[in-house]
Amino acid sequence: MKVKWLGHSCFLISGEKGIRIITDPYESGCFNGGLAYKPVREEADIVTVSHEHSDHNCVKDIPGTPEIIRKTGHHEARGVEIDGTLTCHDKTSGRQRGLNTVFCLNVDGIRVCHLGDLGHELSAKEIKAIGRVDVLLIPVGGYFTIDAAEASRVAAALCPKIVFPMHYKTPVLDFPITGVEDFLKGKPHVKRLDASEVEITKANLPQETEVWVLKHAN
């Protein structure tokens, strides 16, 4: 399996048999140009959308006819099992920013969890519903989502092997959120990869949780 960070909360996950999944595709230039990542042009067989904000739901830019997964519950799309767990975009049960779906994808025997715009720490019930996590894609920038400290606690609760931070401030994202450094501070196993894409197999999953920081491709 390959994981490629396109930017913001958008990843391309490619299975060894050729299946291609895109998570939370953003609309380039949305929010008055605040999000300046280049448009998503990669093809996909499946697209997951955690919630209906324009920096997460721009499926119209994806070439072809991918299957779009927006709902909670169990799905099987193009041979991939996907589970959606309902959470909230804020700490007020969705009254401020609405609901959010956490998607877990089973690809090549690896369980990938994309937290979308999670706005609160997870309850014991939500942790149980999410289940085993091998690879965690987690927002860390705060303000619109959990912040660095909350993200650290969420990651510890889910016990993944690899954590990819997302939804943080970069030179092409002019949102009132923090960069990735607050999340990385004090963590013992951090890898800053000089690439936007990395290959993961069950055999090379680390024994202890590691944080892998990718460069955005777009």
N, C-alpha and C. Protein backbone atom coordinates (compact mmCIF):
# COMPACT_ATOMS: atom_id res chain seq x y z
N MET A 1 0.83 -1.19 0.00
CA MET A 1 0.00 0.00 0.00
C MET A 1 0.87 1.25 0.00
N LYS A 2 0.46 2.23 -0.79
CA LYS A 2 1.16 3.51 -0.80
C LYS A 2 0.23 4.60 -0.26
N VAL A 3 0.81 5.50 0.52
CA VAL A 3 0.07 6.63 1.07
C VAL A 3 0.72 7.90 0.56
N LYS A 4 -0.07 8.74 -0.11
CA LYS A 4 0.44 10.00 -0.67
C LYS A 4 -0.38 11.15 -0.11
N TRP A 5 0.30 12.13 0.48
CA TRP A 5 -0.40 13.30 1.00
C TRP A 5 -0.48 14.36 -0.09
N LEU A 6 -1.70 14.62 -0.55
CA LEU A 6 -1.90 15.63 -1.58
C LEU A 6 -1.93 17.03 -0.97
N GLY A 7 -2.43 17.12 0.27
CA GLY A 7 -2.49 18.38 0.98
C GLY A 7 -3.72 18.44 1.86
N HIS A 8 -3.64 19.23 2.93
CA HIS A 8 -4.76 19.42 3.87
C HIS A 8 -5.16 18.07 4.47
N SER A 9 -6.39 17.61 4.24
CA SER A 9 -6.81 16.29 4.74
C SER A 9 -6.96 15.28 3.62
N CYS A 10 -6.40 15.60 2.47
CA CYS A 10 -6.57 14.79 1.26
C CYS A 10 -5.36 13.89 1.04
N PHE A 11 -5.64 12.58 1.03
CA PHE A 11 -4.61 11.58 0.77
C PHE A 11 -5.06 10.69 -0.39
N LEU A 12 -4.08 10.17 -1.11
CA LEU A 12 -4.31 9.12 -2.09
C LEU A 12 -3.73 7.84 -1.52
N ILE A 13 -4.59 6.83 -1.34
CA ILE A 13 -4.16 5.54 -0.81
C ILE A 13 -4.29 4.52 -1.93
N SER A 14 -3.18 3.91 -2.29
CA SER A 14 -3.15 2.99 -3.43
C SER A 14 -2.82 1.58 -2.95
N GLY A 15 -3.70 0.63 -3.26
CA GLY A 15 -3.48 -0.75 -2.88
C GLY A 15 -2.60 -1.47 -3.88
N GLU A 16 -2.06 -2.60 -3.47
CA GLU A 16 -1.11 -3.33 -4.32
C GLU A 16 -1.80 -3.91 -5.57
N LYS A 17 -3.13 -4.06 -5.54
CA LYS A 17 -3.86 -4.57 -6.70
C LYS A 17 -4.39 -3.44 -7.59
N GLY A 18 -3.99 -2.21 -7.29
CA GLY A 18 -4.33 -1.09 -8.16
C GLY A 18 -5.49 -0.22 -7.70
N ILE A 19 -6.18 -0.60 -6.61
CA ILE A 19 -7.29 0.21 -6.12
C ILE A 19 -6.76 1.55 -5.62
N ARG A 20 -7.48 2.62 -5.92
CA ARG A 20 -7.04 3.98 -5.54
C ARG A 20 -8.16 4.68 -4.78
N ILE A 21 -7.83 5.14 -3.59
CA ILE A 21 -8.81 5.79 -2.71
C ILE A 21 -8.32 7.20 -2.39
N ILE A 22 -9.20 8.18 -2.55
CA ILE A 22 -8.88 9.56 -2.16
C ILE A 22 -9.77 9.94 -0.99
N THR A 23 -9.16 10.54 0.02
CA THR A 23 -9.90 11.00 1.19
C THR A 23 -10.07 12.51 1.16
N ASP A 24 -11.25 12.99 1.49
CA ASP A 24 -11.55 14.41 1.70
C ASP A 24 -10.89 15.34 0.66
N PRO A 25 -11.27 15.23 -0.61
CA PRO A 25 -10.68 16.13 -1.61
C PRO A 25 -11.13 17.57 -1.39
N TYR A 26 -10.18 18.49 -1.42
CA TYR A 26 -10.45 19.91 -1.17
C TYR A 26 -10.72 20.64 -2.49
N GLU A 27 -11.37 21.80 -2.38
CA GLU A 27 -11.54 22.69 -3.52
C GLU A 27 -10.42 23.72 -3.51
N SER A 28 -9.54 23.64 -4.48
CA SER A 28 -8.42 24.58 -4.54
C SER A 28 -8.95 26.01 -4.65
N GLY A 29 -8.42 26.90 -3.81
CA GLY A 29 -8.83 28.30 -3.83
C GLY A 29 -10.05 28.63 -2.99
N CYS A 30 -10.60 27.64 -2.28
CA CYS A 30 -11.78 27.90 -1.47
C CYS A 30 -11.45 28.81 -0.29
N PHE A 31 -12.48 29.29 0.34
CA PHE A 31 -12.36 30.24 1.45
C PHE A 31 -11.54 31.46 1.04
N ASN A 32 -11.98 32.05 -0.08
CA ASN A 32 -11.36 33.29 -0.58
C ASN A 32 -9.85 33.14 -0.82
N GLY A 33 -9.46 31.98 -1.30
CA GLY A 33 -8.06 31.73 -1.59
C GLY A 33 -7.24 31.28 -0.39
N GLY A 34 -7.89 31.10 0.74
CA GLY A 34 -7.16 30.67 1.94
C GLY A 34 -6.52 29.31 1.79
N LEU A 35 -7.17 28.45 1.00
CA LEU A 35 -6.59 27.13 0.71
C LEU A 35 -6.02 27.17 -0.70
N ALA A 36 -4.70 27.20 -0.79
CA ALA A 36 -4.04 27.39 -2.09
C ALA A 36 -3.29 26.15 -2.56
N TYR A 37 -3.60 24.98 -1.99
CA TYR A 37 -3.06 23.75 -2.58
C TYR A 37 -3.56 23.65 -4.01
N LYS A 38 -2.75 23.07 -4.87
CA LYS A 38 -3.15 22.89 -6.27
C LYS A 38 -4.33 21.92 -6.36
N PRO A 39 -5.13 22.02 -7.41
CA PRO A 39 -6.30 21.14 -7.55
C PRO A 39 -5.92 19.65 -7.52
N VAL A 40 -6.83 18.86 -7.00
CA VAL A 40 -6.64 17.41 -6.98
C VAL A 40 -7.01 16.86 -8.35
N ARG A 41 -6.05 16.26 -9.02
CA ARG A 41 -6.28 15.73 -10.37
C ARG A 41 -6.06 14.22 -10.46
N GLU A 42 -5.69 13.60 -9.37
CA GLU A 42 -5.45 12.16 -9.39
C GLU A 42 -6.75 11.39 -9.60
N GLU A 43 -6.67 10.30 -10.32
CA GLU A 43 -7.83 9.43 -10.51
C GLU A 43 -8.04 8.58 -9.26
N ALA A 44 -9.28 8.19 -9.04
CA ALA A 44 -9.59 7.35 -7.89
C ALA A 44 -10.73 6.41 -8.23
N ASP A 45 -10.75 5.27 -7.55
CA ASP A 45 -11.88 4.34 -7.65
C ASP A 45 -12.90 4.63 -6.56
N ILE A 46 -12.41 5.13 -5.43
CA ILE A 46 -13.26 5.42 -4.27
C ILE A 46 -12.86 6.77 -3.72
N VAL A 47 -13.85 7.55 -3.28
CA VAL A 47 -13.59 8.81 -2.59
C VAL A 47 -14.41 8.82 -1.31
N THR A 48 -13.76 9.12 -0.18
CA THR A 48 -14.48 9.27 1.08
C THR A 48 -14.59 10.75 1.43
N VAL A 49 -15.73 11.13 1.97
CA VAL A 49 -16.00 12.52 2.35
C VAL A 49 -16.46 12.53 3.80
N SER A 50 -15.68 13.13 4.67
CA SER A 50 -15.99 13.10 6.10
C SER A 50 -17.11 14.06 6.48
N HIS A 51 -17.23 15.17 5.72
CA HIS A 51 -18.28 16.16 5.99
C HIS A 51 -18.36 17.12 4.81
N GLU A 52 -19.44 17.90 4.79
CA GLU A 52 -19.73 18.70 3.59
C GLU A 52 -19.22 20.14 3.70
N HIS A 53 -17.93 20.29 3.88
CA HIS A 53 -17.28 21.60 3.77
C HIS A 53 -16.39 21.58 2.54
N SER A 54 -16.23 22.74 1.90
CA SER A 54 -15.59 22.77 0.58
C SER A 54 -14.11 22.40 0.61
N ASP A 55 -13.48 22.43 1.78
CA ASP A 55 -12.09 21.97 1.84
C ASP A 55 -12.00 20.47 2.10
N HIS A 56 -13.16 19.77 1.99
CA HIS A 56 -13.18 18.32 2.23
C HIS A 56 -14.07 17.54 1.28
N ASN A 57 -14.87 18.20 0.45
CA ASN A 57 -15.90 17.46 -0.31
C ASN A 57 -15.91 17.74 -1.81
N CYS A 58 -14.77 18.15 -2.36
CA CYS A 58 -14.75 18.55 -3.77
C CYS A 58 -14.58 17.33 -4.69
N VAL A 59 -15.62 16.52 -4.76
CA VAL A 59 -15.54 15.30 -5.56
C VAL A 59 -15.58 15.60 -7.06
N LYS A 60 -16.08 16.77 -7.44
CA LYS A 60 -16.22 17.10 -8.86
C LYS A 60 -14.87 17.18 -9.58
N ASP A 61 -13.79 17.41 -8.85
CA ASP A 61 -12.48 17.53 -9.47
C ASP A 61 -11.82 16.18 -9.74
N ILE A 62 -12.38 15.10 -9.19
CA ILE A 62 -11.76 13.79 -9.33
C ILE A 62 -12.15 13.18 -10.67
N PRO A 63 -11.16 12.84 -11.52
CA PRO A 63 -11.49 12.27 -12.83
C PRO A 63 -12.18 10.91 -12.73
N GLY A 64 -12.93 10.59 -13.77
CA GLY A 64 -13.56 9.28 -13.83
C GLY A 64 -14.88 9.24 -13.07
N THR A 65 -15.26 8.04 -12.68
CA THR A 65 -16.53 7.84 -11.97
C THR A 65 -16.28 7.06 -10.68
N PRO A 66 -15.59 7.68 -9.73
CA PRO A 66 -15.31 6.98 -8.47
C PRO A 66 -16.59 6.76 -7.66
N GLU A 67 -16.58 5.75 -6.84
CA GLU A 67 -17.68 5.53 -5.90
C GLU A 67 -17.47 6.46 -4.71
N ILE A 68 -18.48 7.25 -4.36
CA ILE A 68 -18.37 8.24 -3.29
C ILE A 68 -18.99 7.68 -2.03
N ILE A 69 -18.23 7.68 -0.94
CA ILE A 69 -18.71 7.19 0.35
C ILE A 69 -18.83 8.37 1.29
N ARG A 70 -20.06 8.66 1.70
CA ARG A 70 -20.31 9.79 2.59
C ARG A 70 -20.96 9.37 3.91
N LYS A 71 -21.53 8.17 3.96
CA LYS A 71 -22.37 7.77 5.08
C LYS A 71 -21.62 6.92 6.10
N THR A 72 -22.16 6.90 7.31
CA THR A 72 -21.62 6.04 8.34
C THR A 72 -22.05 4.59 8.07
N GLY A 73 -21.54 3.68 8.88
CA GLY A 73 -21.89 2.28 8.74
C GLY A 73 -20.87 1.52 7.92
N HIS A 74 -21.19 0.27 7.62
CA HIS A 74 -20.26 -0.61 6.89
C HIS A 74 -20.54 -0.53 5.40
N HIS A 75 -19.47 -0.41 4.61
CA HIS A 75 -19.57 -0.35 3.16
C HIS A 75 -18.57 -1.34 2.55
N GLU A 76 -18.90 -1.83 1.38
CA GLU A 76 -17.91 -2.55 0.56
C GLU A 76 -17.93 -1.90 -0.81
N ALA A 77 -16.83 -1.28 -1.18
CA ALA A 77 -16.74 -0.55 -2.44
C ALA A 77 -15.52 -1.04 -3.21
N ARG A 78 -15.76 -1.51 -4.43
CA ARG A 78 -14.68 -2.00 -5.30
C ARG A 78 -13.77 -3.01 -4.58
N GLY A 79 -14.39 -3.81 -3.72
CA GLY A 79 -13.64 -4.84 -3.00
C GLY A 79 -12.96 -4.37 -1.73
N VAL A 80 -13.14 -3.11 -1.37
CA VAL A 80 -12.52 -2.55 -0.16
C VAL A 80 -13.59 -2.40 0.92
N GLU A 81 -13.31 -2.90 2.11
CA GLU A 81 -14.23 -2.73 3.23
C GLU A 81 -13.95 -1.41 3.92
N ILE A 82 -15.02 -0.65 4.15
CA ILE A 82 -14.91 0.69 4.73
C ILE A 82 -15.95 0.81 5.83
N ASP A 83 -15.52 1.32 6.98
CA ASP A 83 -16.43 1.53 8.09
C ASP A 83 -16.44 3.00 8.48
N GLY A 84 -17.64 3.57 8.59
CA GLY A 84 -17.79 4.97 8.97
C GLY A 84 -18.40 5.10 10.36
N THR A 85 -17.75 5.88 11.21
CA THR A 85 -18.21 6.11 12.58
C THR A 85 -18.57 7.58 12.74
N LEU A 86 -19.76 7.85 13.24
CA LEU A 86 -20.22 9.23 13.39
C LEU A 86 -19.55 9.90 14.57
N THR A 87 -18.98 11.09 14.34
CA THR A 87 -18.42 11.93 15.39
C THR A 87 -18.89 13.37 15.10
N CYS A 88 -18.26 14.34 15.77
CA CYS A 88 -18.66 15.73 15.58
C CYS A 88 -17.46 16.59 15.19
N HIS A 89 -17.78 17.70 14.54
CA HIS A 89 -16.78 18.66 14.06
C HIS A 89 -16.42 19.67 15.16
N ASP A 90 -17.02 19.53 16.31
CA ASP A 90 -16.83 20.51 17.38
C ASP A 90 -17.05 19.82 18.73
N LYS A 91 -17.01 20.59 19.78
CA LYS A 91 -17.21 20.06 21.13
C LYS A 91 -18.63 20.29 21.63
N THR A 92 -19.54 20.71 20.73
CA THR A 92 -20.91 21.02 21.11
C THR A 92 -21.90 20.10 20.39
N SER A 93 -21.52 18.85 20.21
CA SER A 93 -22.38 17.85 19.57
C SER A 93 -22.83 18.26 18.17
N GLY A 94 -21.97 19.01 17.48
CA GLY A 94 -22.25 19.39 16.11
C GLY A 94 -23.02 20.68 15.95
N ARG A 95 -23.37 21.33 17.04
CA ARG A 95 -24.18 22.56 16.92
C ARG A 95 -23.40 23.70 16.27
N GLN A 96 -22.09 23.69 16.40
CA GLN A 96 -21.28 24.78 15.86
C GLN A 96 -20.86 24.52 14.42
N ARG A 97 -20.33 23.32 14.14
CA ARG A 97 -19.78 23.04 12.81
C ARG A 97 -20.35 21.78 12.17
N GLY A 98 -21.25 21.11 12.81
CA GLY A 98 -21.88 19.95 12.20
C GLY A 98 -21.24 18.63 12.60
N LEU A 99 -21.61 17.60 11.86
CA LEU A 99 -21.14 16.24 12.14
C LEU A 99 -19.93 15.90 11.29
N ASN A 100 -19.27 14.83 11.65
CA ASN A 100 -18.04 14.38 10.99
C ASN A 100 -18.01 12.86 11.00
N THR A 101 -17.61 12.26 9.90
CA THR A 101 -17.50 10.81 9.84
C THR A 101 -16.04 10.38 9.81
N VAL A 102 -15.70 9.50 10.72
CA VAL A 102 -14.38 8.86 10.74
C VAL A 102 -14.46 7.62 9.86
N PHE A 103 -13.59 7.52 8.87
CA PHE A 103 -13.60 6.36 7.99
C PHE A 103 -12.39 5.48 8.24
N CYS A 104 -12.65 4.17 8.36
CA CYS A 104 -11.57 3.18 8.44
C CYS A 104 -11.60 2.33 7.18
N LEU A 105 -10.46 2.23 6.53
CA LEU A 105 -10.32 1.54 5.26
C LEU A 105 -9.41 0.33 5.44
N ASN A 106 -9.84 -0.80 4.92
CA ASN A 106 -9.02 -2.01 4.99
C ASN A 106 -8.37 -2.26 3.64
N VAL A 107 -7.07 -1.98 3.56
CA VAL A 107 -6.33 -2.06 2.31
C VAL A 107 -5.09 -2.92 2.52
N ASP A 108 -4.97 -3.99 1.75
CA ASP A 108 -3.80 -4.88 1.82
C ASP A 108 -3.55 -5.40 3.24
N GLY A 109 -4.62 -5.65 3.97
CA GLY A 109 -4.50 -6.16 5.33
C GLY A 109 -4.11 -5.11 6.35
N ILE A 110 -4.07 -3.85 5.94
CA ILE A 110 -3.72 -2.74 6.82
C ILE A 110 -4.98 -1.89 7.04
N ARG A 111 -5.25 -1.54 8.28
CA ARG A 111 -6.43 -0.75 8.60
C ARG A 111 -6.02 0.71 8.77
N VAL A 112 -6.53 1.55 7.85
CA VAL A 112 -6.20 2.96 7.81
C VAL A 112 -7.39 3.75 8.34
N CYS A 113 -7.16 4.62 9.30
CA CYS A 113 -8.23 5.42 9.89
C CYS A 113 -8.01 6.90 9.58
N HIS A 114 -8.99 7.50 8.89
CA HIS A 114 -8.96 8.92 8.56
C HIS A 114 -9.98 9.62 9.44
N LEU A 115 -9.51 10.54 10.29
CA LEU A 115 -10.38 11.14 11.29
C LEU A 115 -11.17 12.33 10.78
N GLY A 116 -10.96 12.74 9.52
CA GLY A 116 -11.68 13.89 9.00
C GLY A 116 -11.41 15.13 9.84
N ASP A 117 -12.45 15.94 10.05
CA ASP A 117 -12.31 17.14 10.89
C ASP A 117 -12.84 16.86 12.29
N LEU A 118 -12.25 15.88 12.94
CA LEU A 118 -12.66 15.55 14.30
C LEU A 118 -12.47 16.76 15.20
N GLY A 119 -13.52 17.12 15.94
CA GLY A 119 -13.46 18.32 16.76
C GLY A 119 -13.44 18.08 18.25
N HIS A 120 -13.29 16.83 18.66
CA HIS A 120 -13.35 16.50 20.09
C HIS A 120 -12.55 15.22 20.33
N GLU A 121 -12.21 14.97 21.57
CA GLU A 121 -11.58 13.69 21.91
C GLU A 121 -12.62 12.59 21.84
N LEU A 122 -12.17 11.39 21.56
CA LEU A 122 -13.07 10.28 21.34
C LEU A 122 -13.55 9.67 22.65
N SER A 123 -14.82 9.28 22.67
CA SER A 123 -15.37 8.57 23.82
C SER A 123 -14.95 7.10 23.75
N ALA A 124 -15.14 6.40 24.84
CA ALA A 124 -14.82 4.97 24.86
C ALA A 124 -15.67 4.22 23.83
N LYS A 125 -16.92 4.65 23.66
CA LYS A 125 -17.80 4.01 22.68
C LYS A 125 -17.29 4.23 21.26
N GLU A 126 -16.84 5.45 20.98
CA GLU A 126 -16.32 5.76 19.63
C GLU A 126 -15.02 5.02 19.36
N ILE A 127 -14.16 4.92 20.36
CA ILE A 127 -12.91 4.18 20.21
C ILE A 127 -13.20 2.71 19.90
N LYS A 128 -14.17 2.14 20.59
CA LYS A 128 -14.54 0.74 20.35
C LYS A 128 -15.11 0.57 18.95
N ALA A 129 -15.94 1.53 18.51
CA ALA A 129 -16.54 1.45 17.18
C ALA A 129 -15.48 1.53 16.09
N ILE A 130 -14.47 2.37 16.28
CA ILE A 130 -13.39 2.51 15.30
C ILE A 130 -12.56 1.24 15.23
N GLY A 131 -12.27 0.66 16.37
CA GLY A 131 -11.56 -0.62 16.42
C GLY A 131 -10.07 -0.49 16.16
N ARG A 132 -9.49 -1.56 15.64
CA ARG A 132 -8.04 -1.60 15.41
C ARG A 132 -7.64 -0.56 14.38
N VAL A 133 -6.53 0.11 14.68
CA VAL A 133 -5.99 1.09 13.74
C VAL A 133 -4.50 0.81 13.55
N ASP A 134 -4.09 0.60 12.31
CA ASP A 134 -2.67 0.45 11.99
C ASP A 134 -2.05 1.79 11.58
N VAL A 135 -2.78 2.52 10.74
CA VAL A 135 -2.28 3.80 10.22
C VAL A 135 -3.35 4.86 10.50
N LEU A 136 -2.94 5.94 11.16
CA LEU A 136 -3.87 6.98 11.58
C LEU A 136 -3.56 8.29 10.86
N LEU A 137 -4.58 8.85 10.21
CA LEU A 137 -4.49 10.16 9.56
C LEU A 137 -5.26 11.13 10.45
N ILE A 138 -4.55 12.06 11.09
CA ILE A 138 -5.15 12.82 12.19
C ILE A 138 -4.95 14.32 12.04
N PRO A 139 -6.03 15.12 12.22
CA PRO A 139 -5.88 16.57 12.20
C PRO A 139 -5.19 17.05 13.47
N VAL A 140 -4.30 18.03 13.33
CA VAL A 140 -3.52 18.46 14.50
C VAL A 140 -3.47 19.98 14.67
N GLY A 141 -4.08 20.74 13.76
CA GLY A 141 -3.89 22.18 13.73
C GLY A 141 -4.75 22.99 14.68
N GLY A 142 -5.80 22.39 15.25
CA GLY A 142 -6.64 23.12 16.17
C GLY A 142 -7.60 24.07 15.49
N TYR A 143 -8.30 24.84 16.30
CA TYR A 143 -9.30 25.85 15.93
C TYR A 143 -10.54 25.21 15.30
N PHE A 144 -10.40 24.64 14.12
CA PHE A 144 -11.52 23.96 13.47
C PHE A 144 -11.61 22.49 13.88
N THR A 145 -10.54 21.95 14.43
CA THR A 145 -10.44 20.53 14.79
C THR A 145 -9.76 20.41 16.15
N ILE A 146 -9.50 19.19 16.55
CA ILE A 146 -8.69 18.97 17.73
C ILE A 146 -7.32 19.63 17.54
N ASP A 147 -6.73 20.08 18.66
CA ASP A 147 -5.43 20.71 18.58
C ASP A 147 -4.33 19.68 18.84
N ALA A 148 -3.11 20.13 18.94
CA ALA A 148 -1.96 19.22 19.06
C ALA A 148 -2.04 18.34 20.30
N ALA A 149 -2.39 18.94 21.43
CA ALA A 149 -2.47 18.16 22.68
C ALA A 149 -3.60 17.15 22.61
N GLU A 150 -4.76 17.58 22.11
CA GLU A 150 -5.89 16.66 21.98
C GLU A 150 -5.58 15.56 20.98
N ALA A 151 -4.94 15.92 19.87
CA ALA A 151 -4.56 14.92 18.87
C ALA A 151 -3.61 13.89 19.45
N SER A 152 -2.70 14.34 20.30
CA SER A 152 -1.76 13.40 20.94
C SER A 152 -2.52 12.40 21.80
N ARG A 153 -3.53 12.87 22.52
CA ARG A 153 -4.31 11.97 23.37
C ARG A 153 -5.18 11.03 22.54
N VAL A 154 -5.75 11.53 21.45
CA VAL A 154 -6.54 10.67 20.56
C VAL A 154 -5.67 9.58 19.95
N ALA A 155 -4.48 9.97 19.49
CA ALA A 155 -3.56 8.99 18.91
C ALA A 155 -3.18 7.93 19.93
N ALA A 156 -2.91 8.35 21.15
CA ALA A 156 -2.55 7.40 22.20
C ALA A 156 -3.70 6.43 22.49
N ALA A 157 -4.93 6.93 22.43
CA ALA A 157 -6.09 6.08 22.70
C ALA A 157 -6.30 5.04 21.60
N LEU A 158 -5.97 5.38 20.35
CA LEU A 158 -6.21 4.48 19.23
C LEU A 158 -5.04 3.52 18.98
N CYS A 159 -3.86 3.84 19.52
CA CYS A 159 -2.69 2.96 19.46
C CYS A 159 -2.30 2.52 18.04
N PRO A 160 -2.17 3.44 17.10
CA PRO A 160 -1.76 3.04 15.75
C PRO A 160 -0.27 2.73 15.70
N LYS A 161 0.15 2.12 14.62
CA LYS A 161 1.57 1.89 14.39
C LYS A 161 2.23 3.11 13.75
N ILE A 162 1.50 3.77 12.83
CA ILE A 162 2.01 4.95 12.14
C ILE A 162 0.96 6.05 12.22
N VAL A 163 1.41 7.27 12.50
CA VAL A 163 0.54 8.44 12.54
C VAL A 163 1.01 9.42 11.46
N PHE A 164 0.08 9.82 10.61
CA PHE A 164 0.35 10.89 9.64
C PHE A 164 -0.44 12.13 10.06
N PRO A 165 0.22 13.20 10.50
CA PRO A 165 -0.51 14.43 10.81
C PRO A 165 -1.03 15.09 9.55
N MET A 166 -2.17 15.76 9.68
CA MET A 166 -2.80 16.46 8.55
C MET A 166 -3.54 17.68 9.10
N HIS A 167 -4.13 18.46 8.20
CA HIS A 167 -4.96 19.61 8.57
C HIS A 167 -4.21 20.55 9.52
N TYR A 168 -3.02 20.96 9.08
CA TYR A 168 -2.24 21.94 9.84
C TYR A 168 -1.76 23.03 8.88
N LYS A 169 -1.31 24.13 9.45
CA LYS A 169 -0.92 25.28 8.65
C LYS A 169 0.35 24.99 7.86
N THR A 170 0.33 25.39 6.59
CA THR A 170 1.50 25.29 5.71
C THR A 170 1.60 26.62 4.96
N PRO A 171 2.68 26.83 4.20
CA PRO A 171 2.80 28.09 3.44
C PRO A 171 1.67 28.33 2.44
N VAL A 172 0.94 27.29 2.05
CA VAL A 172 -0.15 27.47 1.08
C VAL A 172 -1.53 27.31 1.73
N LEU A 173 -1.57 27.34 3.05
CA LEU A 173 -2.85 27.24 3.75
C LEU A 173 -2.95 28.39 4.75
N ASP A 174 -3.76 29.38 4.42
CA ASP A 174 -3.90 30.56 5.26
C ASP A 174 -5.14 30.44 6.15
N PHE A 175 -5.13 29.43 7.01
CA PHE A 175 -6.19 29.23 8.00
C PHE A 175 -5.63 29.60 9.38
N PRO A 176 -6.49 29.98 10.33
CA PRO A 176 -6.02 30.34 11.67
C PRO A 176 -5.75 29.11 12.54
N ILE A 177 -4.87 28.25 12.04
CA ILE A 177 -4.52 27.02 12.75
C ILE A 177 -3.01 26.97 12.90
N THR A 178 -2.52 26.05 13.71
CA THR A 178 -1.08 25.95 13.96
C THR A 178 -0.43 25.00 12.96
N GLY A 179 0.89 25.05 12.90
CA GLY A 179 1.66 24.13 12.08
C GLY A 179 1.81 22.79 12.77
N VAL A 180 2.63 21.94 12.19
CA VAL A 180 2.76 20.57 12.70
C VAL A 180 3.69 20.47 13.91
N GLU A 181 4.53 21.48 14.14
CA GLU A 181 5.57 21.35 15.15
C GLU A 181 5.02 21.14 16.56
N ASP A 182 3.90 21.79 16.90
CA ASP A 182 3.33 21.60 18.24
C ASP A 182 2.98 20.15 18.49
N PHE A 183 2.49 19.48 17.47
CA PHE A 183 2.13 18.07 17.61
C PHE A 183 3.36 17.18 17.75
N LEU A 184 4.42 17.54 17.06
CA LEU A 184 5.64 16.70 17.06
C LEU A 184 6.44 16.85 18.34
N LYS A 185 6.27 17.96 19.02
CA LYS A 185 7.10 18.30 20.18
C LYS A 185 7.06 17.20 21.24
N GLY A 186 8.24 16.71 21.63
CA GLY A 186 8.35 15.74 22.70
C GLY A 186 8.08 14.31 22.30
N LYS A 187 7.71 14.06 21.06
CA LYS A 187 7.42 12.69 20.63
C LYS A 187 8.73 11.97 20.28
N PRO A 188 8.91 10.74 20.76
CA PRO A 188 10.21 10.07 20.62
C PRO A 188 10.50 9.50 19.24
N HIS A 189 9.48 9.18 18.48
CA HIS A 189 9.69 8.49 17.21
C HIS A 189 9.04 9.28 16.08
N VAL A 190 9.77 10.25 15.55
CA VAL A 190 9.27 11.10 14.48
C VAL A 190 10.17 10.94 13.26
N LYS A 191 9.55 10.68 12.11
CA LYS A 191 10.29 10.60 10.84
C LYS A 191 9.79 11.70 9.91
N ARG A 192 10.68 12.60 9.52
CA ARG A 192 10.33 13.63 8.55
C ARG A 192 10.78 13.12 7.18
N LEU A 193 9.83 12.73 6.38
CA LEU A 193 10.14 12.11 5.10
C LEU A 193 10.29 13.18 4.02
N ASP A 194 11.32 13.07 3.24
CA ASP A 194 11.57 14.03 2.17
C ASP A 194 10.83 13.61 0.91
N ALA A 195 9.53 13.37 1.07
CA ALA A 195 8.70 12.87 -0.03
C ALA A 195 7.24 13.08 0.33
N SER A 196 6.38 13.02 -0.67
CA SER A 196 4.95 13.13 -0.42
C SER A 196 4.28 11.76 -0.35
N GLU A 197 5.01 10.72 -0.73
CA GLU A 197 4.44 9.38 -0.79
C GLU A 197 5.37 8.37 -0.14
N VAL A 198 4.78 7.38 0.51
CA VAL A 198 5.56 6.33 1.15
C VAL A 198 4.82 5.01 1.01
N GLU A 199 5.58 3.93 0.92
CA GLU A 199 4.99 2.60 0.82
C GLU A 199 4.99 1.94 2.19
N ILE A 200 3.87 1.29 2.52
CA ILE A 200 3.72 0.62 3.80
C ILE A 200 3.25 -0.81 3.54
N THR A 201 3.86 -1.76 4.22
CA THR A 201 3.40 -3.14 4.19
C THR A 201 3.17 -3.60 5.62
N LYS A 202 2.45 -4.70 5.76
CA LYS A 202 2.25 -5.25 7.11
C LYS A 202 3.59 -5.58 7.76
N ALA A 203 4.54 -6.00 6.92
CA ALA A 203 5.85 -6.41 7.44
C ALA A 203 6.67 -5.24 7.98
N ASN A 204 6.45 -4.02 7.42
CA ASN A 204 7.29 -2.91 7.88
C ASN A 204 6.57 -1.97 8.85
N LEU A 205 5.40 -2.40 9.35
CA LEU A 205 4.76 -1.61 10.40
C LEU A 205 5.65 -1.63 11.64
N PRO A 206 5.93 -0.48 12.24
CA PRO A 206 6.81 -0.45 13.42
C PRO A 206 6.15 -1.08 14.63
N GLN A 207 6.96 -1.50 15.58
CA GLN A 207 6.44 -2.10 16.81
C GLN A 207 5.83 -1.05 17.72
N GLU A 208 6.50 0.11 17.81
CA GLU A 208 5.99 1.23 18.60
C GLU A 208 5.47 2.32 17.67
N THR A 209 4.55 3.11 18.19
CA THR A 209 3.96 4.16 17.36
C THR A 209 5.01 5.15 16.87
N GLU A 210 4.99 5.41 15.56
CA GLU A 210 5.86 6.41 14.96
C GLU A 210 5.02 7.46 14.25
N VAL A 211 5.51 8.69 14.24
CA VAL A 211 4.87 9.76 13.50
C VAL A 211 5.67 10.00 12.23
N TRP A 212 5.01 9.90 11.09
CA TRP A 212 5.66 10.12 9.80
C TRP A 212 5.11 11.40 9.19
N VAL A 213 5.96 12.34 8.89
CA VAL A 213 5.56 13.63 8.35
C VAL A 213 5.89 13.67 6.86
N LEU A 214 4.86 13.78 6.04
CA LEU A 214 5.05 13.84 4.59
C LEU A 214 5.08 15.29 4.11
N LYS A 215 5.63 15.49 2.93
CA LYS A 215 5.52 16.78 2.25
C LYS A 215 4.26 16.75 1.39
N HIS A 216 3.55 17.86 1.30
CA HIS A 216 2.35 17.84 0.48
C HIS A 216 2.73 17.84 -1.01
N ALA A 217 2.02 17.04 -1.78
CA ALA A 217 2.33 16.89 -3.20
C ALA A 217 1.80 18.05 -4.02
N ASN A 218 0.72 18.68 -3.55
CA ASN A 218 0.08 19.73 -4.32
C ASN A 218 0.34 21.11 -3.73
